[in-house]
Protein backbone atom coordinates (compact mmCIF):
# COMPACT_ATOMS: atom_id res chain seq x y z
CA MET A 1 -29.62 -5.38 81.79
CA THR A 2 -30.54 -5.56 78.28
CA GLY A 3 -27.37 -4.78 76.63
CA LYS A 4 -29.06 -1.96 74.28
CA LEU A 5 -28.57 1.49 75.50
CA VAL A 6 -31.54 3.97 74.60
CA VAL A 7 -31.01 7.66 74.25
CA GLN A 8 -33.70 9.80 75.62
CA THR A 9 -34.43 13.71 75.73
CA GLY A 10 -36.15 15.49 78.46
CA VAL A 11 -34.93 13.13 81.52
CA PRO A 12 -33.93 15.81 84.31
CA MET A 13 -30.16 15.44 85.84
CA PRO A 14 -30.13 15.13 89.29
CA LYS A 15 -28.15 17.72 91.52
CA ALA A 16 -24.33 17.10 92.11
CA ASN A 17 -23.72 15.16 95.30
CA ARG A 18 -21.28 17.87 96.86
CA ALA A 19 -21.01 19.02 100.40
CA ARG A 20 -23.40 21.99 101.15
CA PRO A 21 -22.14 25.06 102.54
CA GLY A 22 -21.26 25.13 106.47
CA VAL A 23 -20.48 21.09 106.22
CA ARG A 24 -17.27 20.16 107.69
CA ARG A 25 -14.50 19.84 104.71
CA LYS A 26 -11.17 18.38 104.88
CA TYR A 27 -9.59 22.34 104.65
CA PRO A 28 -11.34 25.26 106.07
CA LEU A 29 -11.91 26.50 102.38
CA ASP A 30 -15.28 28.08 103.37
CA VAL A 31 -13.90 30.33 106.05
CA MET A 32 -10.96 31.75 104.44
CA ALA A 33 -10.72 35.38 103.41
CA VAL A 34 -8.96 36.76 100.59
CA ASP A 35 -5.02 36.38 101.40
CA GLN A 36 -5.17 33.95 103.99
CA PHE A 37 -3.34 30.77 103.86
CA VAL A 38 -3.46 27.26 105.40
CA PHE A 39 -0.62 24.94 105.26
CA SER A 40 -1.11 21.07 104.90
CA PRO A 41 1.90 19.34 106.29
CA GLY A 42 2.94 16.15 104.14
CA GLY A 43 0.19 17.28 101.80
CA VAL A 44 1.00 16.51 97.98
CA SER A 45 0.16 19.59 95.95
CA LYS A 46 -1.17 17.79 93.07
CA LEU A 47 -3.48 15.72 95.16
CA VAL A 48 -4.51 18.86 97.32
CA SER A 49 -4.90 20.84 94.03
CA ALA A 50 -6.98 18.12 92.55
CA TYR A 51 -9.40 17.90 95.73
CA ILE A 52 -9.41 21.97 95.99
CA SER A 53 -10.58 22.17 92.26
CA ARG A 54 -13.48 19.38 92.70
CA THR A 55 -14.81 20.88 96.21
CA THR A 56 -14.75 24.56 94.98
CA LYS A 57 -16.31 23.92 91.60
CA ASP A 58 -19.49 25.58 92.58
CA MET A 59 -18.00 28.45 94.78
CA PRO A 60 -17.10 31.73 93.74
CA GLN A 61 -13.86 31.51 95.81
CA LYS A 62 -10.40 31.15 94.01
CA PHE A 63 -7.60 28.91 95.66
CA SER A 64 -3.89 28.46 94.59
CA VAL A 65 -1.88 25.56 95.83
CA ARG A 66 2.05 25.48 95.93
CA HIS A 67 4.47 22.77 97.32
CA CYS A 68 6.54 24.40 100.13
CA TRP A 69 8.42 24.14 103.65
CA ALA A 70 7.26 25.61 106.62
CA ILE A 71 8.19 25.57 110.50
CA GLN A 72 5.56 25.72 113.17
CA ASN A 73 5.81 28.31 115.78
CA ASP A 74 3.35 29.17 118.34
CA GLY A 75 0.77 27.10 116.50
CA LYS A 76 1.37 29.15 113.41
CA TRP A 77 3.35 28.05 110.17
CA LYS A 78 5.87 30.20 108.85
CA LEU A 79 7.29 29.24 104.94
CA VAL A 80 11.03 28.60 104.78
CA ASP A 81 13.49 27.59 102.30
CA GLN A 82 14.15 23.87 101.52
CA GLY A 83 16.76 22.49 103.75
CA THR A 84 16.31 24.72 106.76
CA GLU A 85 16.52 22.89 109.77
CA GLY A 86 13.16 21.51 111.37
CA ALA A 87 11.36 22.46 108.12
CA VAL A 88 8.33 20.23 107.34
CA GLU A 89 7.40 19.65 103.54
CA GLY A 90 3.68 20.06 102.60
CA CYS A 91 1.68 22.38 100.51
CA GLY A 92 0.27 25.85 100.96
CA ILE A 93 -3.39 26.60 100.16
CA TRP A 94 -4.01 30.25 99.29
CA ARG A 95 -7.36 32.17 98.71
CA ILE A 96 -6.64 34.42 95.68
CA GLU A 97 -10.09 35.69 95.07
């Protein structure tokens, strides 16, 4: 490298290197309908929220992430209050739009 940066005009920017629609992601965001929810046991809401924001940047859908507690029953998660016996801490992801 020469150590000197040159400012140029008219150089096309390459496309962002994000996952294409239909590509498996960490969370099933591309198949969620409005008002659907997924619980991530042990998930840290700030980290999950940052991931969701980054991966859905080019998607029209909107999501919301909240820190919560849940109990699994028959394969489904039910939200409960903190301190409930058997509750698992994590974060919930809701599709809001």
